Amino acid sequence: MRLVIQRILSGQISVAGQMIAKTNQSLAVFVGIEKDDSEQELLLSAKKIDGLRVFEDDAGKMNLSLPKELPLLMIPQFTLLGSLHRGFRPDFTQAETPEKAKAMYEKLLHVLKQDYHRTIESGQFAADMEVQLTINGPVTLIFDTRRNA
């Protein structure tokens, strides 16, 4: 599972001209599901998202995680698994099939809600989304469960 996590001041997602998700002062989490991602990787990703300390404390250090009352902005994005190693056309062979990826994405949202008591604002799986973000910092981090564990 590959995550791109950005600290944001605001974010919203629209599909077909209709806003479906919106939040302020949060984390935007782009989620790519890789072939054969396991439940263990899903649980590790949820734990990492919940506990990530990228907000400043009173001393100005990135030492605080997102407060529980603020919603996460979650965005499914299979293109995170695109490889550019050969040629100029992305190779998506490592991305999970849409059916399995959707189930894993929905399970990730469920774990964040149930186990970590997070409120979720979510993009729509397999939709052509328009994502607008105001990135804070900028703070952008990449977490890959197969390379960073």
C-alpha atoms as a PDB file:
ATOM      1  CA  MET A   1       0.000   0.000   0.000  1.00  0.00           C
ATOM      2  CA  ARG A   2       1.357   3.380  -0.926  1.00  0.00           C
ATOM      3  CA  LEU A   3       0.252   6.580   0.792  1.00  0.00           C
ATOM      4  CA  VAL A   4       0.998  10.182  -0.061  1.00  0.00           C
ATOM      5  CA  ILE A   5       0.088  12.295   2.940  1.00  0.00           C
ATOM      6  CA  GLN A   6      -0.120  16.077   2.878  1.00  0.00           C
ATOM      7  CA  ARG A   7      -0.811  18.495   5.709  1.00  0.00           C
ATOM      8  CA  ILE A   8      -3.520  20.823   4.448  1.00  0.00           C
ATOM      9  CA  LEU A   9      -5.261  24.033   5.432  1.00  0.00           C
ATOM     10  CA  SER A  10      -8.273  23.069   3.325  1.00  0.00           C
ATOM     11  CA  GLY A  11      -9.382  20.485   0.823  1.00  0.00           C
ATOM     12  CA  GLN A  12     -12.376  19.444  -1.179  1.00  0.00           C
ATOM     13  CA  ILE A  13     -13.295  16.778  -3.691  1.00  0.00           C
ATOM     14  CA  SER A  14     -15.872  17.092  -6.457  1.00  0.00           C
ATOM     15  CA  VAL A  15     -17.281  14.495  -8.833  1.00  0.00           C
ATOM     16  CA  ALA A  16     -19.260  15.592 -11.903  1.00  0.00           C
ATOM     17  CA  GLY A  17     -19.417  19.143 -10.557  1.00  0.00           C
ATOM     18  CA  GLN A  18     -20.826  18.105  -7.162  1.00  0.00           C
ATOM     19  CA  MET A  19     -18.778  18.529  -3.993  1.00  0.00           C
ATOM     20  CA  ILE A  20     -18.651  15.176  -2.158  1.00  0.00           C
ATOM     21  CA  ALA A  21     -16.035  15.867   0.527  1.00  0.00           C
ATOM     22  CA  LYS A  22     -14.644  18.930   2.270  1.00  0.00           C
ATOM     23  CA  THR A  23     -12.462  19.668   5.283  1.00  0.00           C
ATOM     24  CA  ASN A  24     -10.166  22.255   6.826  1.00  0.00           C
ATOM     25  CA  GLN A  25      -6.923  21.911   8.831  1.00  0.00           C
ATOM     26  CA  SER A  26      -6.365  18.242   8.180  1.00  0.00           C
ATOM     27  CA  LEU A  27      -4.419  15.585   6.359  1.00  0.00           C
ATOM     28  CA  ALA A  28      -5.083  14.666   2.746  1.00  0.00           C
ATOM     29  CA  VAL A  29      -4.229  10.996   2.271  1.00  0.00           C
ATOM     30  CA  PHE A  30      -3.901   9.610  -1.255  1.00  0.00           C
ATOM     31  CA  VAL A  31      -4.182   5.805  -1.131  1.00  0.00           C
ATOM     32  CA  GLY A  32      -2.834   3.354  -3.709  1.00  0.00           C
ATOM     33  CA  ILE A  33      -3.541  -0.352  -3.227  1.00  0.00           C
ATOM     34  CA  GLU A  34      -0.849  -2.680  -4.589  1.00  0.00           C
ATOM     35  CA  LYS A  35      -1.369  -6.240  -5.810  1.00  0.00           C
ATOM     36  CA  ASP A  36      -1.392  -8.684  -2.919  1.00  0.00           C
ATOM     37  CA  ASP A  37      -1.592  -6.028  -0.214  1.00  0.00           C
ATOM     38  CA  SER A  38      -2.513  -7.801   2.999  1.00  0.00           C
ATOM     39  CA  GLU A  39      -4.589  -7.052   6.053  1.00  0.00           C
ATOM     40  CA  GLN A  40      -1.324  -6.474   7.930  1.00  0.00           C
ATOM     41  CA  GLU A  41      -0.339  -3.689   5.522  1.00  0.00           C
ATOM     42  CA  LEU A  42      -3.790  -2.166   5.796  1.00  0.00           C
ATOM     43  CA  LEU A  43      -3.589  -2.125   9.603  1.00  0.00           C
ATOM     44  CA  LEU A  44      -0.074  -0.667   9.504  1.00  0.00           C
ATOM     45  CA  SER A  45      -1.281   2.101   7.179  1.00  0.00           C
ATOM     46  CA  ALA A  46      -4.223   2.947   9.450  1.00  0.00           C
ATOM     47  CA  LYS A  47      -1.929   3.113  12.488  1.00  0.00           C
ATOM     48  CA  LYS A  48       0.531   5.341  10.617  1.00  0.00           C
ATOM     49  CA  ILE A  49      -2.209   7.708   9.411  1.00  0.00           C
ATOM     50  CA  ASP A  50      -3.732   8.000  12.881  1.00  0.00           C
ATOM     51  CA  GLY A  51      -0.491   8.591  14.742  1.00  0.00           C
ATOM     52  CA  LEU A  52       1.439  10.706  12.228  1.00  0.00           C
ATOM     53  CA  ARG A  53       2.872  13.704  14.078  1.00  0.00           C
ATOM     54  CA  VAL A  54       3.125  16.536  11.554  1.00  0.00           C
ATOM     55  CA  PHE A  55       1.342  19.353  13.383  1.00  0.00           C
ATOM     56  CA  GLU A  56       3.330  21.826  15.454  1.00  0.00           C
ATOM     57  CA  ASP A  57       3.278  21.934  19.230  1.00  0.00           C
ATOM     58  CA  ASP A  58       3.728  25.116  21.313  1.00  0.00           C
ATOM     59  CA  ALA A  59       7.495  24.966  20.736  1.00  0.00           C
ATOM     60  CA  GLY A  60       7.016  24.946  16.955  1.00  0.00           C
ATOM     61  CA  LYS A  61       8.083  21.310  16.516  1.00  0.00           C
ATOM     62  CA  MET A  62       6.135  18.833  14.395  1.00  0.00           C
ATOM     63  CA  ASN A  63       5.101  16.770  17.389  1.00  0.00           C
ATOM     64  CA  LEU A  64       1.298  16.510  17.304  1.00  0.00           C
ATOM     65  CA  SER A  65      -1.028  14.223  15.380  1.00  0.00           C
ATOM     66  CA  LEU A  66      -4.293  15.367  13.822  1.00  0.00           C
ATOM     67  CA  PRO A  67      -6.871  16.036  16.559  1.00  0.00           C
ATOM     68  CA  LYS A  68      -9.582  13.367  16.588  1.00  0.00           C
ATOM     69  CA  GLU A  69     -12.352  15.906  15.995  1.00  0.00           C
ATOM     70  CA  LEU A  70     -10.907  16.932  12.611  1.00  0.00           C
ATOM     71  CA  PRO A  71     -11.794  14.729   9.624  1.00  0.00           C
ATOM     72  CA  LEU A  72      -9.234  13.060   7.403  1.00  0.00           C
ATOM     73  CA  LEU A  73      -9.552  13.689   3.666  1.00  0.00           C
ATOM     74  CA  MET A  74      -9.053  10.272   2.064  1.00  0.00           C
ATOM     75  CA  ILE A  75      -8.516   9.946  -1.697  1.00  0.00           C
ATOM     76  CA  PRO A  76      -8.297   6.606  -3.543  1.00  0.00           C
ATOM     77  CA  GLN A  77      -5.681   6.889  -6.300  1.00  0.00           C
ATOM     78  CA  PHE A  78      -4.472   3.831  -8.216  1.00  0.00           C
ATOM     79  CA  THR A  79      -1.997   5.956 -10.210  1.00  0.00           C
ATOM     80  CA  LEU A  80       0.270   6.028  -7.144  1.00  0.00           C
ATOM     81  CA  LEU A  81       1.283   2.522  -8.225  1.00  0.00           C
ATOM     82  CA  GLY A  82       2.263   3.629 -11.728  1.00  0.00           C
ATOM     83  CA  SER A  83       5.862   2.797 -12.574  1.00  0.00           C
ATOM     84  CA  LEU A  84       7.917   5.108 -14.786  1.00  0.00           C
ATOM     85  CA  HIS A  85      10.988   2.858 -14.951  1.00  0.00           C
ATOM     86  CA  ARG A  86      10.537   1.928 -18.608  1.00  0.00           C
ATOM     87  CA  GLY A  87       9.518   4.375 -21.297  1.00  0.00           C
ATOM     88  CA  PHE A  88       7.190   7.324 -20.913  1.00  0.00           C
ATOM     89  CA  ARG A  89       3.831   5.605 -20.447  1.00  0.00           C
ATOM     90  CA  PRO A  90       3.096   4.658 -16.827  1.00  0.00           C
ATOM     91  CA  ASP A  91       2.918   0.929 -16.112  1.00  0.00           C
ATOM     92  CA  PHE A  92       0.087   0.094 -13.711  1.00  0.00           C
ATOM     93  CA  THR A  93       0.654  -3.664 -13.493  1.00  0.00           C
ATOM     94  CA  GLN A  94       1.407  -3.429  -9.742  1.00  0.00           C
ATOM     95  CA  ALA A  95      -1.932  -1.783  -8.969  1.00  0.00           C
ATOM     96  CA  GLU A  96      -4.544  -4.120  -7.482  1.00  0.00           C
ATOM     97  CA  THR A  97      -7.650  -4.976  -9.520  1.00  0.00           C
ATOM     98  CA  PRO A  98     -10.446  -2.426  -9.056  1.00  0.00           C
ATOM     99  CA  GLU A  99     -12.708  -4.846  -7.175  1.00  0.00           C
ATOM    100  CA  LYS A 100     -10.063  -5.888  -4.651  1.00  0.00           C
ATOM    101  CA  ALA A 101      -8.660  -2.364  -4.327  1.00  0.00           C
ATOM    102  CA  LYS A 102     -12.103  -0.927  -3.598  1.00  0.00           C
ATOM    103  CA  ALA A 103     -12.685  -3.505  -0.868  1.00  0.00           C
ATOM    104  CA  MET A 104      -9.288  -2.751   0.706  1.00  0.00           C
ATOM    105  CA  TYR A 105      -9.871   1.015   0.518  1.00  0.00           C
ATOM    106  CA  GLU A 106     -13.281   0.677   2.162  1.00  0.00           C
ATOM    107  CA  LYS A 107     -11.799  -1.569   4.859  1.00  0.00           C
ATOM    108  CA  LEU A 108      -9.087   1.038   5.520  1.00  0.00           C
ATOM    109  CA  LEU A 109     -11.778   3.681   6.007  1.00  0.00           C
ATOM    110  CA  HIS A 110     -13.694   1.311   8.302  1.00  0.00           C
ATOM    111  CA  VAL A 111     -10.598   0.631  10.459  1.00  0.00           C
ATOM    112  CA  LEU A 112      -9.863   4.346  10.752  1.00  0.00           C
ATOM    113  CA  LYS A 113     -13.458   5.010  11.825  1.00  0.00           C
ATOM    114  CA  GLN A 114     -13.982   2.031  14.142  1.00  0.00           C
ATOM    115  CA  ASP A 115     -10.559   1.388  15.667  1.00  0.00           C
ATOM    116  CA  TYR A 116      -9.142   4.928  15.673  1.00  0.00           C
ATOM    117  CA  HIS A 117     -12.395   6.907  16.019  1.00  0.00           C
ATOM    118  CA  ARG A 118     -11.579   9.069  13.006  1.00  0.00           C
ATOM    119  CA  THR A 119     -14.084  11.057  11.008  1.00  0.00           C
ATOM    120  CA  ILE A 120     -13.576  10.563   7.281  1.00  0.00           C
ATOM    121  CA  GLU A 121     -14.275  12.722   4.259  1.00  0.00           C
ATOM    122  CA  SER A 122     -13.664  10.507   1.235  1.00  0.00           C
ATOM    123  CA  GLY A 123     -13.286  10.696  -2.473  1.00  0.00           C
ATOM    124  CA  GLN A 124     -15.215   8.289  -4.682  1.00  0.00           C
ATOM    125  CA  PHE A 125     -13.492   5.114  -5.769  1.00  0.00           C
ATOM    126  CA  ALA A 126     -12.918   4.839  -9.564  1.00  0.00           C
ATOM    127  CA  ALA A 127     -14.460   8.256 -10.217  1.00  0.00           C
ATOM    128  CA  ASP A 128     -12.960  11.133 -12.147  1.00  0.00           C
ATOM    129  CA  MET A 129     -12.399  13.424  -9.156  1.00  0.00           C
ATOM    130  CA  GLU A 130     -11.433  17.044  -8.972  1.00  0.00           C
ATOM    131  CA  VAL A 131      -9.304  17.498  -5.867  1.00  0.00           C
ATOM    132  CA  GLN A 132      -8.519  20.964  -4.552  1.00  0.00           C
ATOM    133  CA  LEU A 133      -5.985  21.316  -1.752  1.00  0.00           C
ATOM    134  CA  THR A 134      -4.298  24.169   0.046  1.00  0.00           C
ATOM    135  CA  ILE A 135      -1.147  22.458   1.283  1.00  0.00           C
ATOM    136  CA  ASN A 136       0.318  23.689   4.566  1.00  0.00           C
ATOM    137  CA  GLY A 137       4.081  23.885   4.967  1.00  0.00           C
ATOM    138  CA  PRO A 138       4.321  22.325   2.488  1.00  0.00           C
ATOM    139  CA  VAL A 139       4.423  19.008   4.289  1.00  0.00           C
ATOM    140  CA  THR A 140       4.216  15.998   1.971  1.00  0.00           C
ATOM    141  CA  LEU A 141       5.242  12.488   3.029  1.00  0.00           C
ATOM    142  CA  ILE A 142       5.260   9.142   1.242  1.00  0.00           C
ATOM    143  CA  PHE A 143       4.684   5.885   3.087  1.00  0.00           C
ATOM    144  CA  ASP A 144       5.015   2.569   1.295  1.00  0.00           C
ATOM    145  CA  THR A 145       4.222  -0.464   3.428  1.00  0.00           C
ATOM    146  CA  ARG A 146       6.547  -2.686   1.417  1.00  0.00           C
ATOM    147  CA  ARG A 147       9.530  -0.388   1.595  1.00  0.00           C
ATOM    148  CA  ASN A 148       9.174   1.514   4.878  1.00  0.00           C
ATOM    149  CA  ALA A 149       7.944  -1.116   7.325  1.00  0.00           C
END
